[in-house]
N, C-alpha and C. Protein backbone atom coordinates (compact mmCIF):
# COMPACT_ATOMS: atom_id res chain seq x y z
N ASP A 1 96.71 113.12 77.82
CA ASP A 1 95.50 113.19 77.02
C ASP A 1 95.36 114.61 76.49
N ARG A 2 95.40 114.77 75.22
CA ARG A 2 95.27 116.10 74.61
C ARG A 2 93.97 116.18 73.84
N GLY A 3 93.31 117.31 74.00
CA GLY A 3 92.09 117.54 73.24
C GLY A 3 92.42 118.23 71.93
N ASP A 4 91.41 118.74 71.29
CA ASP A 4 91.59 119.46 70.03
C ASP A 4 91.87 120.92 70.36
N TYR A 5 93.12 121.18 70.76
CA TYR A 5 93.48 122.51 71.22
C TYR A 5 93.51 123.53 70.08
N ALA A 6 93.86 123.09 68.89
CA ALA A 6 93.84 124.02 67.75
C ALA A 6 92.43 124.56 67.54
N LYS A 7 91.45 123.67 67.65
CA LYS A 7 90.05 124.10 67.50
C LYS A 7 89.65 125.01 68.67
N ALA A 8 90.12 124.68 69.86
CA ALA A 8 89.81 125.51 71.03
C ALA A 8 90.36 126.92 70.85
N ILE A 9 91.58 127.03 70.37
CA ILE A 9 92.17 128.35 70.15
C ILE A 9 91.34 129.12 69.11
N LEU A 10 90.92 128.45 68.06
CA LEU A 10 90.10 129.09 67.03
C LEU A 10 88.78 129.59 67.61
N ILE A 11 88.14 128.78 68.41
CA ILE A 11 86.86 129.17 69.02
C ILE A 11 87.05 130.35 69.95
N TYR A 12 88.09 130.29 70.79
CA TYR A 12 88.35 131.41 71.69
C TYR A 12 88.70 132.67 70.91
N GLN A 13 89.45 132.52 69.83
CA GLN A 13 89.81 133.68 69.01
C GLN A 13 88.55 134.31 68.43
N GLN A 14 87.61 133.48 67.96
CA GLN A 14 86.35 134.01 67.44
C GLN A 14 85.58 134.73 68.54
N SER A 15 85.60 134.17 69.74
CA SER A 15 84.94 134.81 70.87
C SER A 15 85.59 136.15 71.19
N MET A 16 86.92 136.18 71.14
CA MET A 16 87.64 137.42 71.40
C MET A 16 87.32 138.47 70.34
N ASP A 17 87.30 138.05 69.08
CA ASP A 17 86.99 138.98 68.00
C ASP A 17 85.60 139.57 68.17
N SER A 18 84.65 138.72 68.56
CA SER A 18 83.29 139.19 68.79
C SER A 18 83.26 140.18 69.96
N ALA A 19 83.96 139.86 71.02
CA ALA A 19 83.98 140.74 72.19
C ALA A 19 84.72 142.04 71.90
N ALA A 20 85.73 141.99 71.03
CA ALA A 20 86.50 143.18 70.70
C ALA A 20 85.63 144.26 70.07
N LEU A 21 84.56 143.83 69.44
CA LEU A 21 83.64 144.79 68.84
C LEU A 21 83.05 145.72 69.90
N ARG A 22 82.99 145.22 71.12
CA ARG A 22 82.47 146.03 72.22
C ARG A 22 83.60 146.78 72.92
N ALA A 23 84.79 146.73 72.32
CA ALA A 23 85.99 147.39 72.86
C ALA A 23 86.31 146.87 74.25
N ASP A 24 87.06 147.54 74.96
CA ASP A 24 87.62 147.22 76.27
C ASP A 24 86.65 146.46 77.18
N SER A 25 86.25 145.25 76.80
CA SER A 25 85.22 144.54 77.54
C SER A 25 85.80 143.39 78.35
N LEU A 26 85.11 143.08 79.42
CA LEU A 26 85.50 141.97 80.28
C LEU A 26 85.48 140.66 79.51
N SER A 27 84.47 140.45 78.67
CA SER A 27 84.39 139.18 77.95
C SER A 27 85.56 139.01 76.99
N TYR A 28 86.06 140.10 76.41
CA TYR A 28 87.22 140.02 75.53
C TYR A 28 88.45 139.54 76.30
N TYR A 29 88.70 140.17 77.44
CA TYR A 29 89.89 139.81 78.22
C TYR A 29 89.74 138.44 78.86
N ASP A 30 88.51 138.08 79.24
CA ASP A 30 88.28 136.76 79.80
C ASP A 30 88.56 135.68 78.75
N SER A 31 88.15 135.93 77.51
CA SER A 31 88.44 134.99 76.43
C SER A 31 89.94 134.89 76.18
N LYS A 32 90.61 136.02 76.29
CA LYS A 32 92.07 136.02 76.11
C LYS A 32 92.74 135.18 77.21
N LEU A 33 92.22 135.25 78.42
CA LEU A 33 92.75 134.42 79.51
C LEU A 33 92.51 132.94 79.20
N ASP A 34 91.37 132.63 78.63
CA ASP A 34 91.09 131.25 78.23
C ASP A 34 92.08 130.76 77.18
N VAL A 35 92.42 131.63 76.23
CA VAL A 35 93.41 131.26 75.21
C VAL A 35 94.76 131.00 75.87
N ALA A 36 95.14 131.84 76.82
CA ALA A 36 96.40 131.64 77.53
C ALA A 36 96.41 130.27 78.22
N CYS A 37 95.27 129.87 78.76
CA CYS A 37 95.17 128.55 79.41
C CYS A 37 95.35 127.42 78.40
N VAL A 38 94.88 127.62 77.19
CA VAL A 38 95.11 126.61 76.14
C VAL A 38 96.60 126.52 75.84
N TYR A 39 97.27 127.66 75.74
CA TYR A 39 98.72 127.63 75.51
C TYR A 39 99.45 126.93 76.66
N ASP A 40 98.95 127.11 77.87
CA ASP A 40 99.52 126.39 79.01
C ASP A 40 99.37 124.89 78.81
N ARG A 41 98.20 124.44 78.38
CA ARG A 41 97.97 123.02 78.13
C ARG A 41 98.87 122.47 77.03
N LEU A 42 99.25 123.34 76.11
CA LEU A 42 100.14 122.95 75.01
C LEU A 42 101.61 123.04 75.43
N ASP A 43 101.85 123.33 76.70
CA ASP A 43 103.21 123.51 77.24
C ASP A 43 103.95 124.66 76.57
N GLU A 44 103.22 125.64 76.13
CA GLU A 44 103.82 126.86 75.59
C GLU A 44 103.72 127.94 76.66
N LEU A 45 104.44 127.72 77.76
CA LEU A 45 104.34 128.58 78.94
C LEU A 45 104.79 130.02 78.67
N PRO A 46 105.87 130.26 77.92
CA PRO A 46 106.22 131.66 77.67
C PRO A 46 105.07 132.43 77.00
N LYS A 47 104.38 131.78 76.05
CA LYS A 47 103.26 132.42 75.37
C LYS A 47 102.10 132.65 76.36
N ALA A 48 101.82 131.67 77.20
CA ALA A 48 100.74 131.81 78.19
C ALA A 48 101.04 132.96 79.15
N ILE A 49 102.27 133.05 79.61
CA ILE A 49 102.66 134.12 80.54
C ILE A 49 102.61 135.47 79.84
N GLU A 50 103.14 135.52 78.62
CA GLU A 50 103.15 136.76 77.84
C GLU A 50 101.74 137.29 77.61
N MET A 51 100.79 136.40 77.40
CA MET A 51 99.40 136.82 77.19
C MET A 51 98.73 137.27 78.48
N THR A 52 99.09 136.63 79.59
CA THR A 52 98.37 136.85 80.85
C THR A 52 98.85 138.07 81.62
N GLU A 53 100.14 138.34 81.61
CA GLU A 53 100.65 139.47 82.40
C GLU A 53 99.93 140.78 82.10
N PRO A 54 99.75 141.17 80.84
CA PRO A 54 99.05 142.44 80.60
C PRO A 54 97.55 142.37 80.89
N LEU A 55 97.00 141.18 80.97
CA LEU A 55 95.58 141.06 81.28
C LEU A 55 95.26 141.55 82.69
N LEU A 56 96.21 141.40 83.61
CA LEU A 56 95.96 141.87 84.97
C LEU A 56 95.62 143.35 84.99
N ASP A 57 96.38 144.15 84.25
CA ASP A 57 96.09 145.59 84.19
C ASP A 57 94.70 145.85 83.63
N ALA A 58 94.33 145.10 82.60
CA ALA A 58 93.00 145.27 81.99
C ALA A 58 91.90 144.90 82.99
N PHE A 59 92.07 143.78 83.70
CA PHE A 59 91.05 143.37 84.67
C PHE A 59 90.96 144.38 85.82
N ILE A 60 92.10 144.88 86.25
CA ILE A 60 92.10 145.87 87.33
C ILE A 60 91.39 147.14 86.85
N ARG A 61 91.67 147.56 85.62
CA ARG A 61 91.03 148.76 85.07
C ARG A 61 89.52 148.58 85.00
N LEU A 62 89.07 147.36 84.63
CA LEU A 62 87.64 147.11 84.51
C LEU A 62 86.97 146.89 85.87
N GLY A 63 87.75 146.58 86.89
CA GLY A 63 87.25 146.56 88.26
C GLY A 63 86.49 145.33 88.70
N ASP A 64 86.59 144.21 88.02
CA ASP A 64 85.90 143.00 88.46
C ASP A 64 86.85 142.20 89.36
N SER A 65 86.65 142.33 90.65
CA SER A 65 87.58 141.73 91.62
C SER A 65 87.66 140.22 91.52
N SER A 66 86.55 139.57 91.22
CA SER A 66 86.56 138.11 91.12
C SER A 66 87.49 137.65 90.01
N ILE A 67 87.41 138.28 88.85
CA ILE A 67 88.24 137.88 87.73
C ILE A 67 89.69 138.30 87.97
N ILE A 68 89.91 139.37 88.70
CA ILE A 68 91.27 139.78 89.03
C ILE A 68 91.94 138.69 89.85
N GLY A 69 91.25 138.19 90.85
CA GLY A 69 91.79 137.10 91.67
C GLY A 69 92.07 135.86 90.84
N ARG A 70 91.15 135.52 89.94
CA ARG A 70 91.34 134.36 89.07
C ARG A 70 92.54 134.55 88.16
N ALA A 71 92.71 135.76 87.63
CA ALA A 71 93.85 136.03 86.75
C ALA A 71 95.17 135.89 87.51
N TYR A 72 95.22 136.41 88.72
CA TYR A 72 96.44 136.26 89.54
C TYR A 72 96.73 134.77 89.79
N SER A 73 95.73 134.02 90.17
CA SER A 73 95.93 132.60 90.44
C SER A 73 96.34 131.84 89.19
N THR A 74 95.75 132.19 88.06
CA THR A 74 96.11 131.54 86.80
C THR A 74 97.54 131.86 86.42
N LEU A 75 97.92 133.12 86.52
CA LEU A 75 99.29 133.52 86.20
C LEU A 75 100.27 132.84 87.16
N ALA A 76 99.90 132.72 88.42
CA ALA A 76 100.76 132.02 89.38
C ALA A 76 100.98 130.57 88.96
N ALA A 77 99.93 129.94 88.48
CA ALA A 77 100.07 128.55 88.01
C ALA A 77 101.03 128.48 86.84
N PHE A 78 100.93 129.43 85.91
CA PHE A 78 101.85 129.45 84.78
C PHE A 78 103.29 129.62 85.25
N TYR A 79 103.50 130.56 86.18
CA TYR A 79 104.85 130.77 86.72
C TYR A 79 105.37 129.50 87.38
N GLY A 80 104.51 128.82 88.11
CA GLY A 80 104.93 127.59 88.79
C GLY A 80 105.34 126.52 87.81
N ARG A 81 104.53 126.34 86.78
CA ARG A 81 104.85 125.32 85.78
C ARG A 81 106.12 125.68 85.00
N ALA A 82 106.43 126.99 84.93
CA ALA A 82 107.64 127.44 84.23
C ALA A 82 108.87 127.42 85.14
N GLY A 83 108.68 127.02 86.41
CA GLY A 83 109.80 126.95 87.35
C GLY A 83 110.17 128.29 87.95
N MET A 84 109.30 129.27 87.84
CA MET A 84 109.54 130.62 88.37
C MET A 84 108.84 130.71 89.74
N PHE A 85 109.40 130.01 90.73
CA PHE A 85 108.67 129.79 91.97
C PHE A 85 108.53 131.03 92.85
N GLU A 86 109.49 131.93 92.83
CA GLU A 86 109.34 133.15 93.63
C GLU A 86 108.22 134.02 93.06
N LYS A 87 108.18 134.15 91.73
CA LYS A 87 107.08 134.89 91.10
C LYS A 87 105.76 134.17 91.33
N CYS A 88 105.81 132.85 91.30
CA CYS A 88 104.61 132.05 91.53
C CYS A 88 104.03 132.35 92.91
N ALA A 89 104.88 132.32 93.93
CA ALA A 89 104.41 132.54 95.30
C ALA A 89 103.86 133.96 95.49
N ALA A 90 104.58 134.95 94.98
CA ALA A 90 104.13 136.34 95.13
C ALA A 90 102.81 136.58 94.41
N THR A 91 102.68 136.04 93.22
CA THR A 91 101.46 136.22 92.44
C THR A 91 100.30 135.44 93.05
N ALA A 92 100.58 134.23 93.52
CA ALA A 92 99.53 133.43 94.18
C ALA A 92 99.04 134.12 95.44
N GLN A 93 99.94 134.74 96.19
CA GLN A 93 99.54 135.46 97.41
C GLN A 93 98.60 136.61 97.07
N LYS A 94 98.89 137.36 96.01
CA LYS A 94 98.00 138.45 95.60
C LYS A 94 96.63 137.89 95.20
N GLY A 95 96.65 136.79 94.43
CA GLY A 95 95.40 136.17 94.01
C GLY A 95 94.57 135.70 95.19
N LEU A 96 95.24 135.11 96.18
CA LEU A 96 94.54 134.62 97.36
C LEU A 96 93.88 135.76 98.13
N GLN A 97 94.58 136.86 98.30
CA GLN A 97 94.01 137.99 99.04
C GLN A 97 92.73 138.50 98.38
N ILE A 98 92.72 138.53 97.06
CA ILE A 98 91.53 138.99 96.34
C ILE A 98 90.44 137.92 96.38
N ALA A 99 90.82 136.67 96.15
CA ALA A 99 89.83 135.59 96.12
C ALA A 99 89.17 135.40 97.48
N LYS A 100 89.91 135.61 98.55
CA LYS A 100 89.33 135.47 99.89
C LYS A 100 88.18 136.45 100.08
N LYS A 101 88.30 137.61 99.51
CA LYS A 101 87.28 138.64 99.71
C LYS A 101 86.17 138.58 98.66
N TYR A 102 86.53 138.27 97.40
CA TYR A 102 85.56 138.39 96.32
C TYR A 102 85.24 137.10 95.59
N GLY A 103 86.07 136.08 95.74
CA GLY A 103 85.89 134.87 94.94
C GLY A 103 84.78 133.97 95.45
N ASN A 104 84.27 133.15 94.54
CA ASN A 104 83.31 132.14 94.96
C ASN A 104 84.07 130.98 95.62
N THR A 105 83.37 129.98 96.05
CA THR A 105 84.00 128.87 96.79
C THR A 105 85.12 128.22 95.98
N SER A 106 84.85 127.91 94.74
CA SER A 106 85.86 127.25 93.90
C SER A 106 87.08 128.13 93.71
N GLU A 107 86.87 129.42 93.48
CA GLU A 107 87.99 130.34 93.28
C GLU A 107 88.82 130.49 94.54
N ARG A 108 88.16 130.54 95.71
CA ARG A 108 88.91 130.64 96.97
C ARG A 108 89.73 129.39 97.21
N CYS A 109 89.12 128.24 97.00
CA CYS A 109 89.84 126.98 97.20
C CYS A 109 91.02 126.87 96.24
N ALA A 110 90.80 127.23 95.00
CA ALA A 110 91.88 127.17 94.01
C ALA A 110 93.01 128.12 94.39
N ALA A 111 92.68 129.29 94.91
CA ALA A 111 93.71 130.25 95.30
C ALA A 111 94.54 129.73 96.48
N TYR A 112 93.88 129.13 97.46
CA TYR A 112 94.63 128.51 98.58
C TYR A 112 95.52 127.39 98.06
N ASN A 113 94.96 126.56 97.19
CA ASN A 113 95.70 125.44 96.63
C ASN A 113 96.90 125.93 95.81
N GLN A 114 96.71 127.00 95.05
CA GLN A 114 97.79 127.52 94.21
C GLN A 114 98.94 128.05 95.05
N LEU A 115 98.63 128.76 96.13
CA LEU A 115 99.70 129.26 97.00
C LEU A 115 100.40 128.09 97.70
N ALA A 116 99.64 127.09 98.10
CA ALA A 116 100.25 125.89 98.70
C ALA A 116 101.20 125.23 97.71
N TYR A 117 100.78 125.15 96.45
CA TYR A 117 101.63 124.58 95.41
C TYR A 117 102.94 125.35 95.30
N ALA A 118 102.85 126.69 95.33
CA ALA A 118 104.06 127.51 95.24
C ALA A 118 105.01 127.18 96.39
N TYR A 119 104.48 126.98 97.58
CA TYR A 119 105.32 126.63 98.73
C TYR A 119 105.91 125.23 98.60
N THR A 120 105.10 124.27 98.16
CA THR A 120 105.62 122.90 98.08
C THR A 120 106.69 122.78 97.02
N ARG A 121 106.56 123.52 95.93
CA ARG A 121 107.58 123.47 94.88
C ARG A 121 108.92 124.01 95.37
N GLN A 122 108.89 124.79 96.43
CA GLN A 122 110.13 125.31 97.01
C GLN A 122 110.56 124.48 98.23
N GLY A 123 109.81 123.40 98.51
CA GLY A 123 110.15 122.55 99.64
C GLY A 123 109.65 123.05 100.98
N HIS A 124 108.77 124.02 100.99
CA HIS A 124 108.22 124.60 102.22
C HIS A 124 106.89 123.90 102.56
N TRP A 125 107.00 122.64 102.91
CA TRP A 125 105.82 121.81 103.12
C TRP A 125 104.99 122.26 104.32
N ALA A 126 105.65 122.67 105.38
CA ALA A 126 104.92 123.08 106.59
C ALA A 126 104.07 124.33 106.34
N GLU A 127 104.56 125.24 105.49
CA GLU A 127 103.79 126.44 105.17
C GLU A 127 102.58 126.11 104.29
N ALA A 128 102.70 125.05 103.50
CA ALA A 128 101.61 124.68 102.59
C ALA A 128 100.45 124.02 103.32
N LEU A 129 100.74 123.28 104.36
CA LEU A 129 99.71 122.48 105.02
C LEU A 129 98.51 123.29 105.52
N PRO A 130 98.69 124.41 106.22
CA PRO A 130 97.51 125.17 106.65
C PRO A 130 96.68 125.72 105.49
N LEU A 131 97.34 126.05 104.40
CA LEU A 131 96.61 126.53 103.22
C LEU A 131 95.74 125.43 102.64
N LEU A 132 96.30 124.22 102.56
CA LEU A 132 95.53 123.08 102.04
C LEU A 132 94.40 122.70 102.99
N ASP A 133 94.66 122.76 104.29
CA ASP A 133 93.61 122.49 105.27
C ASP A 133 92.46 123.48 105.13
N THR A 134 92.80 124.74 104.91
CA THR A 134 91.77 125.77 104.73
C THR A 134 90.96 125.51 103.47
N ALA A 135 91.64 125.18 102.37
CA ALA A 135 90.93 124.87 101.12
C ALA A 135 89.97 123.71 101.33
N LEU A 136 90.43 122.67 102.02
CA LEU A 136 89.58 121.52 102.28
C LEU A 136 88.37 121.91 103.14
N ALA A 137 88.60 122.69 104.18
CA ALA A 137 87.50 123.11 105.06
C ALA A 137 86.45 123.92 104.30
N ILE A 138 86.91 124.83 103.46
CA ILE A 138 85.98 125.65 102.66
C ILE A 138 85.19 124.75 101.72
N GLN A 139 85.89 123.80 101.09
CA GLN A 139 85.22 122.90 100.14
C GLN A 139 84.18 122.05 100.86
N LEU A 140 84.53 121.50 102.01
CA LEU A 140 83.58 120.68 102.77
C LEU A 140 82.37 121.50 103.21
N ALA A 141 82.62 122.72 103.67
CA ALA A 141 81.52 123.58 104.14
C ALA A 141 80.59 123.99 103.00
N SER A 142 81.13 124.04 101.79
CA SER A 142 80.32 124.49 100.65
C SER A 142 79.29 123.45 100.22
N GLY A 143 79.56 122.18 100.52
CA GLY A 143 78.68 121.12 100.07
C GLY A 143 78.93 120.70 98.63
N VAL A 144 79.92 121.29 97.99
CA VAL A 144 80.31 120.95 96.62
C VAL A 144 81.59 120.13 96.73
N PHE A 145 81.50 118.86 96.34
CA PHE A 145 82.59 117.94 96.66
C PHE A 145 83.42 117.47 95.47
N HIS A 146 83.23 118.04 94.29
CA HIS A 146 83.91 117.52 93.11
C HIS A 146 85.43 117.72 93.14
N GLN A 147 85.93 118.63 93.95
CA GLN A 147 87.37 118.86 94.04
C GLN A 147 88.02 118.17 95.25
N LEU A 148 87.23 117.48 96.05
CA LEU A 148 87.78 116.87 97.26
C LEU A 148 88.96 115.94 97.01
N PRO A 149 88.92 115.08 96.00
CA PRO A 149 90.07 114.20 95.80
C PRO A 149 91.39 114.95 95.63
N ILE A 150 91.35 116.09 94.99
CA ILE A 150 92.57 116.89 94.80
C ILE A 150 93.11 117.35 96.14
N TYR A 151 92.22 117.84 97.00
CA TYR A 151 92.67 118.34 98.29
C TYR A 151 93.16 117.21 99.19
N TYR A 152 92.47 116.08 99.17
CA TYR A 152 92.93 114.93 99.95
C TYR A 152 94.31 114.47 99.48
N LEU A 153 94.51 114.41 98.18
CA LEU A 153 95.80 114.00 97.63
C LEU A 153 96.89 114.99 98.03
N ASN A 154 96.62 116.28 97.87
CA ASN A 154 97.62 117.29 98.20
C ASN A 154 97.95 117.30 99.69
N ILE A 155 96.93 117.18 100.53
CA ILE A 155 97.18 117.15 101.97
C ILE A 155 97.94 115.89 102.36
N GLY A 156 97.52 114.76 101.82
CA GLY A 156 98.22 113.50 102.12
C GLY A 156 99.67 113.53 101.69
N SER A 157 99.92 114.05 100.50
CA SER A 157 101.30 114.16 100.01
C SER A 157 102.12 115.10 100.87
N THR A 158 101.53 116.17 101.31
CA THR A 158 102.24 117.13 102.17
C THR A 158 102.59 116.48 103.50
N HIS A 159 101.65 115.76 104.10
CA HIS A 159 101.95 115.04 105.36
C HIS A 159 103.06 114.02 105.13
N ARG A 160 103.03 113.35 104.00
CA ARG A 160 104.07 112.37 103.68
C ARG A 160 105.44 113.05 103.63
N GLU A 161 105.51 114.19 102.96
CA GLU A 161 106.78 114.92 102.85
C GLU A 161 107.27 115.42 104.21
N LEU A 162 106.34 115.65 105.12
CA LEU A 162 106.70 116.09 106.48
C LEU A 162 107.00 114.91 107.40
N GLY A 163 106.89 113.68 106.88
CA GLY A 163 107.17 112.49 107.68
C GLY A 163 106.04 112.14 108.64
N GLN A 164 104.87 112.67 108.41
CA GLN A 164 103.71 112.42 109.26
C GLN A 164 102.88 111.31 108.61
N TRP A 165 103.35 110.08 108.82
CA TRP A 165 102.84 108.93 108.09
C TRP A 165 101.39 108.59 108.40
N LYS A 166 100.99 108.71 109.65
CA LYS A 166 99.61 108.39 110.02
C LYS A 166 98.64 109.33 109.32
N GLU A 167 98.93 110.62 109.36
CA GLU A 167 98.08 111.59 108.70
C GLU A 167 98.10 111.40 107.18
N ALA A 168 99.29 111.10 106.63
CA ALA A 168 99.40 110.87 105.19
C ALA A 168 98.50 109.72 104.75
N ARG A 169 98.56 108.62 105.48
CA ARG A 169 97.72 107.47 105.14
C ARG A 169 96.23 107.83 105.25
N HIS A 170 95.89 108.60 106.28
CA HIS A 170 94.49 108.98 106.47
C HIS A 170 93.96 109.72 105.23
N TYR A 171 94.70 110.68 104.72
CA TYR A 171 94.23 111.48 103.58
C TYR A 171 94.39 110.75 102.26
N LEU A 172 95.46 109.98 102.13
CA LEU A 172 95.66 109.28 100.87
C LEU A 172 94.79 108.05 100.79
């Protein structure tokens, strides 16, 4: 299912142009990260990666730890989809460390999930399971349940890959 991504890019570009008037601003770089995500949706991963890598330096310079963690996790997802699993794992680990300290509930859960994804793509299912369990526990404790199906599916699939059929059925 594809949306009107050309229109989305145009809207984000207008947002970036508006933010650029304020020069080196967080909203400018945040909009640029949004555009990179649109390129990811269009399966233009080299473009998404090319746009996102320099954004990390900008976010670090501006000092917003929450967005820094989000940028690392987003870049890790791009690396994973591009088959660059070692870069994916290293970048996801950096994102997780920041998100654990500064991220909101959704950002922390996404960071745990992203690192788990990096491990599962390399066949390291046992290493992924505690990360997914942690994401699920945080999500349950938060009282916000809209992402629960994703965590149940990921945990169930991981148990299945580990040959733990009873647990897999429980989560799936």
